[in-house]
Amino acid sequence: MTRRNHVKYIFVTGGVVSSLGKGIASASIGLLLKSRGLRVTIQKFDPYLNVDPGTMNP
């Protein structure tokens, strides 16, 4: 019997404040999932089109 591997996605979102710890939370979740034997890939995405997120104010 062949078992299919289903792809699952976890999205970690937040506002324009970059110091909310989204990266640390994502890395921690990834480490926990890896310790359970899952394959984990983290992809960072900035949804700010043509805007430098470093200069944005909340």
Protein backbone atom coordinates (compact mmCIF):
# COMPACT_ATOMS: atom_id res chain seq x y z
CA MET A 1 0.00 0.00 0.00
CA THR A 2 1.44 3.35 -1.03
CA ARG A 3 1.17 6.26 1.37
CA ARG A 4 0.90 9.74 -0.11
CA ASN A 5 2.74 12.62 1.48
CA HIS A 6 0.42 15.58 1.83
CA VAL A 7 1.93 19.04 1.89
CA LYS A 8 0.82 21.24 4.79
CA TYR A 9 1.44 24.97 5.15
CA ILE A 10 1.72 27.08 8.30
CA PHE A 11 1.51 30.85 7.87
CA VAL A 12 2.88 33.14 10.60
CA THR A 13 1.61 36.67 10.05
CA GLY A 14 1.79 39.98 11.84
CA GLY A 15 1.51 43.70 11.35
CA VAL A 16 4.11 46.17 10.18
CA VAL A 17 5.97 46.02 13.50
CA SER A 18 8.97 43.81 12.81
CA SER A 19 9.91 43.17 16.44
CA LEU A 20 7.03 40.83 17.25
CA GLY A 21 9.16 37.67 17.18
CA LYS A 22 7.61 36.09 14.09
CA GLY A 23 10.99 34.71 13.01
CA ILE A 24 11.72 33.16 16.40
CA ALA A 25 8.21 31.67 16.56
CA SER A 26 8.56 30.24 13.04
CA ALA A 27 11.97 28.75 13.78
CA SER A 28 10.69 27.20 17.02
CA ILE A 29 7.68 25.64 15.30
CA GLY A 30 9.96 24.32 12.55
CA LEU A 31 12.34 22.78 15.09
CA LEU A 32 9.47 21.08 16.93
CA LEU A 33 8.11 19.65 13.67
CA LYS A 34 11.58 18.46 12.62
CA SER A 35 12.03 16.70 15.96
CA ARG A 36 8.82 14.76 15.14
CA GLY A 37 10.41 13.53 11.90
CA LEU A 38 8.73 15.90 9.46
CA ARG A 39 10.53 17.66 6.65
CA VAL A 40 10.42 21.42 7.18
CA THR A 41 11.23 24.29 4.82
CA ILE A 42 10.89 27.91 5.91
CA GLN A 43 10.19 30.61 3.33
CA LYS A 44 10.16 34.30 4.27
CA PHE A 45 7.88 36.56 2.27
CA ASP A 46 7.54 40.33 2.53
CA PRO A 47 4.18 41.36 1.07
CA TYR A 48 5.18 45.01 0.72
CA LEU A 49 5.13 45.68 -3.02
CA ASN A 50 7.64 48.35 -4.06
CA VAL A 51 7.97 49.57 -0.45
CA ASP A 52 10.97 49.25 1.85
CA PRO A 53 9.51 47.67 5.02
CA GLY A 54 12.39 49.06 7.08
CA THR A 55 11.13 52.61 6.61
CA MET A 56 7.46 51.92 7.40
CA ASN A 57 6.07 53.26 10.67
CA PRO A 58 3.23 51.53 12.56
